[in-house]
């Protein structure tokens, strides 16, 4: 945690240093609303839309350190050794729509390909520890979210945005806290965050801080996660090199840790962009973004009081 805080302080110092030597900014086509895996402080504009999808691997094989008190069919409980094994690809899909110049609405979900299984030894208690009863587990979720632009960027001020997302579905019981084997592991979760971005002549810098809490996490000693996100976009011609870093990224309640993602963004026009990126954990993201009628580069906007519509 100390290293993460130090990293953020270095970025803030760099921000102040560059601001002292660069007094003007230039538009690089449409402002980024997403930077690979992390959201930026820009919005789509009224009528704009964005579609993204990707694939990310996840695997775990874990046994209980001691016999668990397992719910057998909802009638009684027994002590059994329990195992969870998952080898899947997470496929998140998101659609975002610009409700107004400042407000975006997002919805979508995450589907999984592969097998997730939970099993218990000696289910019938006949003394044969070599036999296991196996239960297939679903891993998927649905999500809804919003992002509201609190402040548009000016020459002297970065753009600031507040966002929130709600998730509902089934996740991997990688902490072995669920006692009902046959019904998968349901969860509900929420994430809130604030992000900022500033477009310099040489690069567009982004950062964000949030909190993610789920019904699974409250059953363990780890009550919540604090995602910290930073990234940069460096334009050249109609392309941009994009790189970002997230300390935590959740899909279907599964937390991917310390993810670095890099790729290219192509400005199809002043209002449309294509983005392709690859992540350090494996997998990729593809996205298409089309700005709305009011979509403009955030750095060209004068400062004004926030307005919902």
C-alpha atoms as a PDB file:
ATOM      1  CA  UNK A   1       0.000   0.000   0.000  1.00  0.00           C
ATOM      2  CA  UNK A   2       2.893   2.381   0.767  1.00  0.00           C
ATOM      3  CA  UNK A   3       4.374   1.752  -2.671  1.00  0.00           C
ATOM      4  CA  UNK A   4       1.026   2.559  -4.298  1.00  0.00           C
ATOM      5  CA  UNK A   5       0.708   5.831  -2.372  1.00  0.00           C
ATOM      6  CA  UNK A   6       4.295   6.745  -3.278  1.00  0.00           C
ATOM      7  CA  UNK A   7       3.546   6.007  -6.932  1.00  0.00           C
ATOM      8  CA  UNK A   8       0.520   8.337  -6.860  1.00  0.00           C
ATOM      9  CA  UNK A   9       2.565  11.115  -5.226  1.00  0.00           C
ATOM     10  CA  UNK A  10       5.177  10.784  -7.968  1.00  0.00           C
ATOM     11  CA  UNK A  11       2.460  11.099 -10.613  1.00  0.00           C
ATOM     12  CA  UNK A  12       1.049  14.209  -8.935  1.00  0.00           C
ATOM     13  CA  UNK A  13       4.532  15.747  -8.835  1.00  0.00           C
ATOM     14  CA  UNK A  14       4.984  14.929 -12.510  1.00  0.00           C
ATOM     15  CA  UNK A  15       1.619  16.515 -13.264  1.00  0.00           C
ATOM     16  CA  UNK A  16       2.625  19.774 -11.544  1.00  0.00           C
ATOM     17  CA  UNK A  17       6.039  19.753 -13.252  1.00  0.00           C
ATOM     18  CA  UNK A  18       4.567  19.369 -16.745  1.00  0.00           C
ATOM     19  CA  UNK A  19       1.882  21.977 -16.066  1.00  0.00           C
ATOM     20  CA  UNK A  20       4.566  24.544 -15.280  1.00  0.00           C
ATOM     21  CA  UNK A  21       6.220  24.026 -18.683  1.00  0.00           C
ATOM     22  CA  UNK A  22       3.214  23.424 -20.921  1.00  0.00           C
ATOM     23  CA  UNK A  23       0.652  26.228 -21.031  1.00  0.00           C
ATOM     24  CA  UNK A  24      -1.393  25.119 -24.016  1.00  0.00           C
ATOM     25  CA  UNK A  25      -3.088  21.863 -24.954  1.00  0.00           C
ATOM     26  CA  UNK A  26      -4.253  20.547 -28.275  1.00  0.00           C
ATOM     27  CA  UNK A  27      -7.182  18.364 -29.257  1.00  0.00           C
ATOM     28  CA  UNK A  28      -6.396  14.809 -30.345  1.00  0.00           C
ATOM     29  CA  UNK A  29      -9.734  13.853 -31.828  1.00  0.00           C
ATOM     30  CA  UNK A  30     -12.419  12.656 -29.423  1.00  0.00           C
ATOM     31  CA  UNK A  31     -11.467  12.527 -25.742  1.00  0.00           C
ATOM     32  CA  UNK A  32     -11.001   9.013 -24.354  1.00  0.00           C
ATOM     33  CA  UNK A  33     -13.871   7.731 -22.225  1.00  0.00           C
ATOM     34  CA  UNK A  34     -12.071   4.462 -21.465  1.00  0.00           C
ATOM     35  CA  UNK A  35      -8.378   3.644 -21.305  1.00  0.00           C
ATOM     36  CA  UNK A  36      -8.138  -0.112 -21.911  1.00  0.00           C
ATOM     37  CA  UNK A  37      -9.346  -1.418 -18.539  1.00  0.00           C
ATOM     38  CA  UNK A  38      -9.895   1.846 -16.641  1.00  0.00           C
ATOM     39  CA  UNK A  39     -12.484   4.615 -17.086  1.00  0.00           C
ATOM     40  CA  UNK A  40     -11.346   8.166 -17.735  1.00  0.00           C
ATOM     41  CA  UNK A  41     -12.980  11.410 -16.605  1.00  0.00           C
ATOM     42  CA  UNK A  42     -14.487  12.157 -20.025  1.00  0.00           C
ATOM     43  CA  UNK A  43     -18.049  11.313 -21.067  1.00  0.00           C
ATOM     44  CA  UNK A  44     -19.520  10.319 -24.440  1.00  0.00           C
ATOM     45  CA  UNK A  45     -21.802  13.290 -24.999  1.00  0.00           C
ATOM     46  CA  UNK A  46     -25.543  13.076 -25.576  1.00  0.00           C
ATOM     47  CA  UNK A  47     -26.397  10.243 -27.954  1.00  0.00           C
ATOM     48  CA  UNK A  48     -22.876   8.792 -27.983  1.00  0.00           C
ATOM     49  CA  UNK A  49     -22.265   5.112 -27.410  1.00  0.00           C
ATOM     50  CA  UNK A  50     -19.474   2.664 -26.739  1.00  0.00           C
ATOM     51  CA  UNK A  51     -19.238  -1.115 -27.063  1.00  0.00           C
ATOM     52  CA  UNK A  52     -16.440  -3.173 -25.539  1.00  0.00           C
ATOM     53  CA  UNK A  53     -15.680  -6.838 -25.055  1.00  0.00           C
ATOM     54  CA  UNK A  54     -12.697  -8.970 -24.148  1.00  0.00           C
ATOM     55  CA  UNK A  55     -11.393 -12.214 -22.675  1.00  0.00           C
ATOM     56  CA  UNK A  56      -9.334 -12.745 -19.525  1.00  0.00           C
ATOM     57  CA  UNK A  57      -8.113 -16.048 -18.029  1.00  0.00           C
ATOM     58  CA  UNK A  58      -8.679 -17.068 -14.435  1.00  0.00           C
ATOM     59  CA  UNK A  59      -7.682 -20.290 -12.683  1.00  0.00           C
ATOM     60  CA  UNK A  60      -7.493 -21.518  -9.116  1.00  0.00           C
ATOM     61  CA  UNK A  61      -7.236 -24.858  -7.319  1.00  0.00           C
ATOM     62  CA  UNK A  62      -7.717 -24.741  -3.574  1.00  0.00           C
ATOM     63  CA  UNK A  63      -8.666 -27.091  -0.735  1.00  0.00           C
ATOM     64  CA  UNK A  64     -10.035 -26.275   2.676  1.00  0.00           C
ATOM     65  CA  UNK A  65      -7.359 -26.295   5.373  1.00  0.00           C
ATOM     66  CA  UNK A  66      -9.738 -28.219   7.636  1.00  0.00           C
ATOM     67  CA  UNK A  67     -13.162 -29.869   7.208  1.00  0.00           C
ATOM     68  CA  UNK A  68     -15.987 -27.392   6.534  1.00  0.00           C
ATOM     69  CA  UNK A  69     -19.526 -27.462   7.911  1.00  0.00           C
ATOM     70  CA  UNK A  70     -21.348 -28.190   4.617  1.00  0.00           C
ATOM     71  CA  UNK A  71     -25.087 -27.708   4.096  1.00  0.00           C
ATOM     72  CA  UNK A  72     -26.409 -31.003   2.684  1.00  0.00           C
ATOM     73  CA  UNK A  73     -29.503 -30.333   0.618  1.00  0.00           C
ATOM     74  CA  UNK A  74     -30.757 -27.641   2.972  1.00  0.00           C
ATOM     75  CA  UNK A  75     -31.753 -30.223   5.588  1.00  0.00           C
ATOM     76  CA  UNK A  76     -28.668 -30.795   7.749  1.00  0.00           C
ATOM     77  CA  UNK A  77     -24.940 -30.056   7.887  1.00  0.00           C
ATOM     78  CA  UNK A  78     -21.879 -32.309   7.899  1.00  0.00           C
ATOM     79  CA  UNK A  79     -18.137 -31.751   8.166  1.00  0.00           C
ATOM     80  CA  UNK A  80     -16.305 -32.451   4.898  1.00  0.00           C
ATOM     81  CA  UNK A  81     -13.033 -31.576   3.184  1.00  0.00           C
ATOM     82  CA  UNK A  82     -13.900 -29.246   0.314  1.00  0.00           C
ATOM     83  CA  UNK A  83     -12.130 -28.315  -2.918  1.00  0.00           C
ATOM     84  CA  UNK A  84     -12.690 -25.544  -5.465  1.00  0.00           C
ATOM     85  CA  UNK A  85     -11.195 -25.721  -8.944  1.00  0.00           C
ATOM     86  CA  UNK A  86     -11.727 -23.176 -11.695  1.00  0.00           C
ATOM     87  CA  UNK A  87     -10.108 -22.879 -15.112  1.00  0.00           C
ATOM     88  CA  UNK A  88     -12.095 -20.332 -17.106  1.00  0.00           C
ATOM     89  CA  UNK A  89     -12.019 -17.400 -19.489  1.00  0.00           C
ATOM     90  CA  UNK A  90     -13.983 -14.363 -18.333  1.00  0.00           C
ATOM     91  CA  UNK A  91     -15.755 -12.548 -21.187  1.00  0.00           C
ATOM     92  CA  UNK A  92     -16.925  -9.086 -20.070  1.00  0.00           C
ATOM     93  CA  UNK A  93     -19.192  -7.116 -22.422  1.00  0.00           C
ATOM     94  CA  UNK A  94     -20.190  -3.505 -21.819  1.00  0.00           C
ATOM     95  CA  UNK A  95     -22.458  -1.046 -23.633  1.00  0.00           C
ATOM     96  CA  UNK A  96     -22.315   2.615 -22.608  1.00  0.00           C
ATOM     97  CA  UNK A  97     -24.708   5.327 -23.771  1.00  0.00           C
ATOM     98  CA  UNK A  98     -24.486   9.100 -23.367  1.00  0.00           C
ATOM     99  CA  UNK A  99     -27.653  10.266 -21.601  1.00  0.00           C
ATOM    100  CA  UNK A 100     -26.498  13.877 -21.623  1.00  0.00           C
ATOM    101  CA  UNK A 101     -23.340  15.870 -22.176  1.00  0.00           C
ATOM    102  CA  UNK A 102     -22.205  15.005 -18.644  1.00  0.00           C
ATOM    103  CA  UNK A 103     -23.918  11.693 -17.824  1.00  0.00           C
ATOM    104  CA  UNK A 104     -23.182   8.203 -19.219  1.00  0.00           C
ATOM    105  CA  UNK A 105     -25.155   5.045 -18.457  1.00  0.00           C
ATOM    106  CA  UNK A 106     -23.549   1.594 -18.778  1.00  0.00           C
ATOM    107  CA  UNK A 107     -24.906  -1.922 -18.694  1.00  0.00           C
ATOM    108  CA  UNK A 108     -23.659  -5.376 -19.609  1.00  0.00           C
ATOM    109  CA  UNK A 109     -22.369  -8.529 -18.017  1.00  0.00           C
ATOM    110  CA  UNK A 110     -19.600 -11.093 -17.805  1.00  0.00           C
ATOM    111  CA  UNK A 111     -19.898 -14.617 -19.140  1.00  0.00           C
ATOM    112  CA  UNK A 112     -17.403 -17.386 -18.427  1.00  0.00           C
ATOM    113  CA  UNK A 113     -16.108 -20.170 -20.668  1.00  0.00           C
ATOM    114  CA  UNK A 114     -14.583 -23.243 -19.079  1.00  0.00           C
ATOM    115  CA  UNK A 115     -15.208 -25.250 -15.916  1.00  0.00           C
ATOM    116  CA  UNK A 116     -15.642 -24.253 -12.301  1.00  0.00           C
ATOM    117  CA  UNK A 117     -16.243 -27.134  -9.912  1.00  0.00           C
ATOM    118  CA  UNK A 118     -16.664 -27.554  -6.195  1.00  0.00           C
ATOM    119  CA  UNK A 119     -16.348 -30.987  -4.617  1.00  0.00           C
ATOM    120  CA  UNK A 120     -16.407 -32.694  -1.253  1.00  0.00           C
ATOM    121  CA  UNK A 121     -14.656 -35.874  -0.152  1.00  0.00           C
ATOM    122  CA  UNK A 122     -16.439 -38.964   1.139  1.00  0.00           C
ATOM    123  CA  UNK A 123     -19.927 -37.485   0.601  1.00  0.00           C
ATOM    124  CA  UNK A 124     -21.683 -40.671   1.828  1.00  0.00           C
ATOM    125  CA  UNK A 125     -19.260 -41.023   4.762  1.00  0.00           C
ATOM    126  CA  UNK A 126     -18.244 -44.576   3.966  1.00  0.00           C
ATOM    127  CA  UNK A 127     -14.587 -43.968   4.806  1.00  0.00           C
ATOM    128  CA  UNK A 128     -13.363 -43.759   1.187  1.00  0.00           C
ATOM    129  CA  UNK A 129     -11.370 -40.498   0.953  1.00  0.00           C
ATOM    130  CA  UNK A 130     -10.453 -41.145  -2.686  1.00  0.00           C
ATOM    131  CA  UNK A 131     -13.972 -40.446  -3.934  1.00  0.00           C
ATOM    132  CA  UNK A 132     -15.346 -36.938  -4.376  1.00  0.00           C
ATOM    133  CA  UNK A 133     -18.791 -35.647  -5.225  1.00  0.00           C
ATOM    134  CA  UNK A 134     -18.454 -32.837  -7.785  1.00  0.00           C
ATOM    135  CA  UNK A 135     -20.782 -29.864  -8.311  1.00  0.00           C
ATOM    136  CA  UNK A 136     -20.528 -27.594 -11.372  1.00  0.00           C
ATOM    137  CA  UNK A 137     -20.613 -23.895 -10.536  1.00  0.00           C
ATOM    138  CA  UNK A 138     -21.858 -20.982 -12.654  1.00  0.00           C
ATOM    139  CA  UNK A 139     -19.686 -17.885 -13.006  1.00  0.00           C
ATOM    140  CA  UNK A 140     -21.449 -14.895 -14.547  1.00  0.00           C
ATOM    141  CA  UNK A 141     -22.833 -11.482 -13.658  1.00  0.00           C
ATOM    142  CA  UNK A 142     -24.871  -8.552 -14.862  1.00  0.00           C
ATOM    143  CA  UNK A 143     -23.922  -4.934 -14.235  1.00  0.00           C
ATOM    144  CA  UNK A 144     -25.383  -1.441 -14.372  1.00  0.00           C
ATOM    145  CA  UNK A 145     -23.448   1.762 -13.863  1.00  0.00           C
ATOM    146  CA  UNK A 146     -23.225   5.485 -14.397  1.00  0.00           C
ATOM    147  CA  UNK A 147     -20.497   8.074 -14.797  1.00  0.00           C
ATOM    148  CA  UNK A 148     -21.110  11.772 -14.136  1.00  0.00           C
ATOM    149  CA  UNK A 149     -18.699  14.486 -15.194  1.00  0.00           C
ATOM    150  CA  UNK A 150     -18.276  16.830 -12.223  1.00  0.00           C
ATOM    151  CA  UNK A 151     -15.885  19.183 -13.990  1.00  0.00           C
ATOM    152  CA  UNK A 152     -14.785  19.544 -17.575  1.00  0.00           C
ATOM    153  CA  UNK A 153     -11.102  20.114 -18.208  1.00  0.00           C
ATOM    154  CA  UNK A 154      -9.749  23.597 -18.807  1.00  0.00           C
ATOM    155  CA  UNK A 155      -6.262  24.912 -19.490  1.00  0.00           C
ATOM    156  CA  UNK A 156      -5.551  24.960 -15.756  1.00  0.00           C
ATOM    157  CA  UNK A 157      -7.832  22.259 -14.354  1.00  0.00           C
ATOM    158  CA  UNK A 158      -8.202  18.508 -15.018  1.00  0.00           C
ATOM    159  CA  UNK A 159     -11.532  16.855 -15.769  1.00  0.00           C
ATOM    160  CA  UNK A 160     -13.145  15.130 -12.786  1.00  0.00           C
ATOM    161  CA  UNK A 161     -15.784  12.388 -12.798  1.00  0.00           C
ATOM    162  CA  UNK A 162     -17.717  10.359 -10.226  1.00  0.00           C
ATOM    163  CA  UNK A 163     -18.915   6.863 -11.136  1.00  0.00           C
ATOM    164  CA  UNK A 164     -20.690   3.896  -9.589  1.00  0.00           C
ATOM    165  CA  UNK A 165     -21.423   0.323 -10.718  1.00  0.00           C
ATOM    166  CA  UNK A 166     -23.631  -2.452  -9.315  1.00  0.00           C
ATOM    167  CA  UNK A 167     -23.047  -6.172 -10.018  1.00  0.00           C
ATOM    168  CA  UNK A 168     -25.267  -9.202  -9.453  1.00  0.00           C
ATOM    169  CA  UNK A 169     -24.578 -12.839 -10.329  1.00  0.00           C
ATOM    170  CA  UNK A 170     -22.573 -15.934  -9.413  1.00  0.00           C
ATOM    171  CA  UNK A 171     -18.875 -15.992  -8.590  1.00  0.00           C
ATOM    172  CA  UNK A 172     -16.008 -18.369  -7.760  1.00  0.00           C
ATOM    173  CA  UNK A 173     -15.812 -19.268  -4.071  1.00  0.00           C
ATOM    174  CA  UNK A 174     -12.033 -18.858  -4.052  1.00  0.00           C
ATOM    175  CA  UNK A 175     -12.045 -18.147  -0.285  1.00  0.00           C
ATOM    176  CA  UNK A 176     -14.106 -21.288   0.497  1.00  0.00           C
ATOM    177  CA  UNK A 177     -16.749 -19.507   2.550  1.00  0.00           C
ATOM    178  CA  UNK A 178     -19.900 -20.783   0.801  1.00  0.00           C
ATOM    179  CA  UNK A 179     -21.511 -23.762   2.547  1.00  0.00           C
ATOM    180  CA  UNK A 180     -24.138 -24.555  -0.118  1.00  0.00           C
ATOM    181  CA  UNK A 181     -22.461 -26.546  -2.887  1.00  0.00           C
ATOM    182  CA  UNK A 182     -25.140 -27.291  -5.451  1.00  0.00           C
ATOM    183  CA  UNK A 183     -26.551 -23.781  -6.047  1.00  0.00           C
ATOM    184  CA  UNK A 184     -23.334 -21.993  -7.064  1.00  0.00           C
ATOM    185  CA  UNK A 185     -22.193 -18.957  -5.085  1.00  0.00           C
ATOM    186  CA  UNK A 186     -24.469 -15.894  -5.542  1.00  0.00           C
ATOM    187  CA  UNK A 187     -23.078 -12.433  -4.892  1.00  0.00           C
ATOM    188  CA  UNK A 188     -23.968  -8.762  -5.137  1.00  0.00           C
ATOM    189  CA  UNK A 189     -21.318  -6.050  -5.316  1.00  0.00           C
ATOM    190  CA  UNK A 190     -20.882  -2.316  -5.747  1.00  0.00           C
ATOM    191  CA  UNK A 191     -18.010  -0.143  -6.877  1.00  0.00           C
ATOM    192  CA  UNK A 192     -17.691   3.622  -6.571  1.00  0.00           C
ATOM    193  CA  UNK A 193     -14.821   5.695  -7.930  1.00  0.00           C
ATOM    194  CA  UNK A 194     -13.625   9.160  -8.802  1.00  0.00           C
ATOM    195  CA  UNK A 195     -11.322   9.731 -11.757  1.00  0.00           C
ATOM    196  CA  UNK A 196      -9.406  12.646 -13.211  1.00  0.00           C
ATOM    197  CA  UNK A 197      -7.675  13.315 -16.512  1.00  0.00           C
ATOM    198  CA  UNK A 198      -5.701  16.070 -18.176  1.00  0.00           C
ATOM    199  CA  UNK A 199      -4.711  16.345 -21.819  1.00  0.00           C
ATOM    200  CA  UNK A 200      -1.224  17.734 -22.407  1.00  0.00           C
ATOM    201  CA  UNK A 201       0.383  18.352 -25.746  1.00  0.00           C
ATOM    202  CA  UNK A 202       2.572  15.263 -25.373  1.00  0.00           C
ATOM    203  CA  UNK A 203       0.272  12.897 -23.461  1.00  0.00           C
ATOM    204  CA  UNK A 204      -3.103  12.493 -21.816  1.00  0.00           C
ATOM    205  CA  UNK A 205      -2.722  11.405 -18.176  1.00  0.00           C
ATOM    206  CA  UNK A 206      -5.468   9.618 -16.221  1.00  0.00           C
ATOM    207  CA  UNK A 207      -5.907   8.444 -12.647  1.00  0.00           C
ATOM    208  CA  UNK A 208      -8.603   7.175 -10.344  1.00  0.00           C
ATOM    209  CA  UNK A 209      -9.381   5.897  -6.868  1.00  0.00           C
ATOM    210  CA  UNK A 210     -12.322   3.729  -5.841  1.00  0.00           C
ATOM    211  CA  UNK A 211     -13.775   1.177  -3.459  1.00  0.00           C
ATOM    212  CA  UNK A 212     -15.176  -2.258  -4.344  1.00  0.00           C
ATOM    213  CA  UNK A 213     -17.235  -4.253  -1.849  1.00  0.00           C
ATOM    214  CA  UNK A 214     -19.174  -7.479  -2.375  1.00  0.00           C
ATOM    215  CA  UNK A 215     -21.264  -9.886  -0.356  1.00  0.00           C
ATOM    216  CA  UNK A 216     -18.420 -12.407  -0.751  1.00  0.00           C
ATOM    217  CA  UNK A 217     -15.803 -10.062   0.648  1.00  0.00           C
ATOM    218  CA  UNK A 218     -17.818  -9.236   3.770  1.00  0.00           C
ATOM    219  CA  UNK A 219     -17.792 -12.938   4.675  1.00  0.00           C
ATOM    220  CA  UNK A 220     -13.997 -12.916   4.825  1.00  0.00           C
ATOM    221  CA  UNK A 221     -11.447 -10.906   6.772  1.00  0.00           C
ATOM    222  CA  UNK A 222     -10.914  -8.707   3.720  1.00  0.00           C
ATOM    223  CA  UNK A 223     -13.900  -6.384   3.841  1.00  0.00           C
ATOM    224  CA  UNK A 224     -13.311  -4.423   0.627  1.00  0.00           C
ATOM    225  CA  UNK A 225     -10.798  -3.612  -2.105  1.00  0.00           C
ATOM    226  CA  UNK A 226      -9.454  -0.189  -3.046  1.00  0.00           C
ATOM    227  CA  UNK A 227      -8.812  -0.047  -6.808  1.00  0.00           C
ATOM    228  CA  UNK A 228      -6.130   2.476  -7.759  1.00  0.00           C
ATOM    229  CA  UNK A 229      -5.854   3.259 -11.463  1.00  0.00           C
ATOM    230  CA  UNK A 230      -3.357   5.270 -13.500  1.00  0.00           C
ATOM    231  CA  UNK A 231      -2.709   5.496 -17.224  1.00  0.00           C
ATOM    232  CA  UNK A 232      -1.407   7.515 -20.144  1.00  0.00           C
ATOM    233  CA  UNK A 233      -2.269   7.996 -23.788  1.00  0.00           C
ATOM    234  CA  UNK A 234       0.421   9.263 -26.173  1.00  0.00           C
ATOM    235  CA  UNK A 235      -0.880  10.406 -29.595  1.00  0.00           C
ATOM    236  CA  UNK A 236       1.009  10.111 -32.868  1.00  0.00           C
ATOM    237  CA  UNK A 237      -0.834  10.888 -36.103  1.00  0.00           C
ATOM    238  CA  UNK A 238      -4.245   9.241 -36.067  1.00  0.00           C
ATOM    239  CA  UNK A 239      -3.074   6.678 -33.517  1.00  0.00           C
ATOM    240  CA  UNK A 240      -2.370   6.712 -29.793  1.00  0.00           C
ATOM    241  CA  UNK A 241      -0.240   4.395 -27.685  1.00  0.00           C
ATOM    242  CA  UNK A 242      -2.211   3.533 -24.558  1.00  0.00           C
ATOM    243  CA  UNK A 243      -1.030   2.009 -21.282  1.00  0.00           C
ATOM    244  CA  UNK A 244      -2.723   1.727 -17.901  1.00  0.00           C
ATOM    245  CA  UNK A 245      -2.352   0.027 -14.542  1.00  0.00           C
ATOM    246  CA  UNK A 246      -5.034  -1.133 -12.118  1.00  0.00           C
ATOM    247  CA  UNK A 247      -4.333  -2.597  -8.691  1.00  0.00           C
ATOM    248  CA  UNK A 248      -7.675  -4.448  -8.772  1.00  0.00           C
ATOM    249  CA  UNK A 249     -10.225  -5.223 -11.490  1.00  0.00           C
ATOM    250  CA  UNK A 250     -13.333  -7.300 -10.772  1.00  0.00           C
ATOM    251  CA  UNK A 251     -15.249  -9.464 -13.266  1.00  0.00           C
ATOM    252  CA  UNK A 252     -18.072 -11.697 -11.961  1.00  0.00           C
ATOM    253  CA  UNK A 253     -16.811 -11.131  -8.430  1.00  0.00           C
ATOM    254  CA  UNK A 254     -13.345 -12.450  -9.371  1.00  0.00           C
ATOM    255  CA  UNK A 255     -10.606  -9.943  -8.600  1.00  0.00           C
ATOM    256  CA  UNK A 256      -7.690  -9.640 -11.026  1.00  0.00           C
ATOM    257  CA  UNK A 257      -4.715  -8.137  -9.194  1.00  0.00           C
ATOM    258  CA  UNK A 258      -2.085  -5.661 -10.448  1.00  0.00           C
ATOM    259  CA  UNK A 259      -3.110  -5.592 -14.112  1.00  0.00           C
ATOM    260  CA  UNK A 260      -0.997  -3.723 -16.676  1.00  0.00           C
ATOM    261  CA  UNK A 261      -2.683  -3.209 -20.031  1.00  0.00           C
ATOM    262  CA  UNK A 262      -1.214  -1.744 -23.212  1.00  0.00           C
ATOM    263  CA  UNK A 263      -2.419  -1.253 -26.748  1.00  0.00           C
ATOM    264  CA  UNK A 264      -3.300   1.096 -29.586  1.00  0.00           C
ATOM    265  CA  UNK A 265      -6.176   3.448 -30.215  1.00  0.00           C
ATOM    266  CA  UNK A 266      -7.100   4.588 -33.721  1.00  0.00           C
ATOM    267  CA  UNK A 267      -9.116   7.738 -34.402  1.00  0.00           C
ATOM    268  CA  UNK A 268     -11.466   6.690 -37.199  1.00  0.00           C
ATOM    269  CA  UNK A 269     -12.851  10.240 -37.214  1.00  0.00           C
ATOM    270  CA  UNK A 270     -13.179  13.163 -34.809  1.00  0.00           C
ATOM    271  CA  UNK A 271     -16.098  11.318 -33.176  1.00  0.00           C
ATOM    272  CA  UNK A 272     -15.223   7.621 -33.527  1.00  0.00           C
ATOM    273  CA  UNK A 273     -12.326   5.538 -32.189  1.00  0.00           C
ATOM    274  CA  UNK A 274     -11.227   1.903 -32.146  1.00  0.00           C
ATOM    275  CA  UNK A 275      -9.148   0.494 -29.303  1.00  0.00           C
ATOM    276  CA  UNK A 276      -7.318  -2.836 -28.960  1.00  0.00           C
ATOM    277  CA  UNK A 277      -5.217  -3.790 -25.941  1.00  0.00           C
ATOM    278  CA  UNK A 278      -3.563  -6.739 -24.196  1.00  0.00           C
ATOM    279  CA  UNK A 279      -3.208  -7.324 -20.450  1.00  0.00           C
ATOM    280  CA  UNK A 280      -0.338  -8.645 -18.344  1.00  0.00           C
ATOM    281  CA  UNK A 281      -2.622 -11.316 -16.860  1.00  0.00           C
ATOM    282  CA  UNK A 282      -3.372 -12.564 -20.380  1.00  0.00           C
ATOM    283  CA  UNK A 283      -6.333 -11.728 -22.560  1.00  0.00           C
ATOM    284  CA  UNK A 284      -7.409  -8.655 -24.481  1.00  0.00           C
ATOM    285  CA  UNK A 285      -9.988  -5.875 -24.829  1.00  0.00           C
ATOM    286  CA  UNK A 286     -11.604  -4.523 -28.007  1.00  0.00           C
ATOM    287  CA  UNK A 287     -13.790  -1.436 -28.025  1.00  0.00           C
ATOM    288  CA  UNK A 288     -15.579   0.907 -30.421  1.00  0.00           C
ATOM    289  CA  UNK A 289     -16.586   4.386 -29.280  1.00  0.00           C
ATOM    290  CA  UNK A 290     -18.760   6.906 -31.137  1.00  0.00           C
ATOM    291  CA  UNK A 291     -19.191  10.321 -29.557  1.00  0.00           C
ATOM    292  CA  UNK A 292     -22.540  12.064 -29.282  1.00  0.00           C
ATOM    293  CA  UNK A 293     -23.653  15.365 -30.765  1.00  0.00           C
ATOM    294  CA  UNK A 294     -22.222  17.273 -27.828  1.00  0.00           C
ATOM    295  CA  UNK A 295     -18.979  15.299 -27.622  1.00  0.00           C
ATOM    296  CA  UNK A 296     -15.977  17.621 -27.741  1.00  0.00           C
ATOM    297  CA  UNK A 297     -12.445  17.329 -26.507  1.00  0.00           C
ATOM    298  CA  UNK A 298     -12.708  18.042 -22.793  1.00  0.00           C
ATOM    299  CA  UNK A 299      -9.640  20.294 -22.786  1.00  0.00           C
ATOM    300  CA  UNK A 300     -11.309  22.777 -25.130  1.00  0.00           C
ATOM    301  CA  UNK A 301     -14.258  23.352 -22.769  1.00  0.00           C
ATOM    302  CA  UNK A 302     -14.490  26.419 -20.524  1.00  0.00           C
ATOM    303  CA  UNK A 303     -15.105  25.840 -16.838  1.00  0.00           C
ATOM    304  CA  UNK A 304     -18.788  25.826 -15.895  1.00  0.00           C
ATOM    305  CA  UNK A 305     -21.035  24.740 -13.064  1.00  0.00           C
ATOM    306  CA  UNK A 306     -22.138  21.094 -13.273  1.00  0.00           C
ATOM    307  CA  UNK A 307     -25.486  20.472 -14.954  1.00  0.00           C
ATOM    308  CA  UNK A 308     -27.191  17.094 -15.085  1.00  0.00           C
ATOM    309  CA  UNK A 309     -28.943  17.867 -18.395  1.00  0.00           C
END
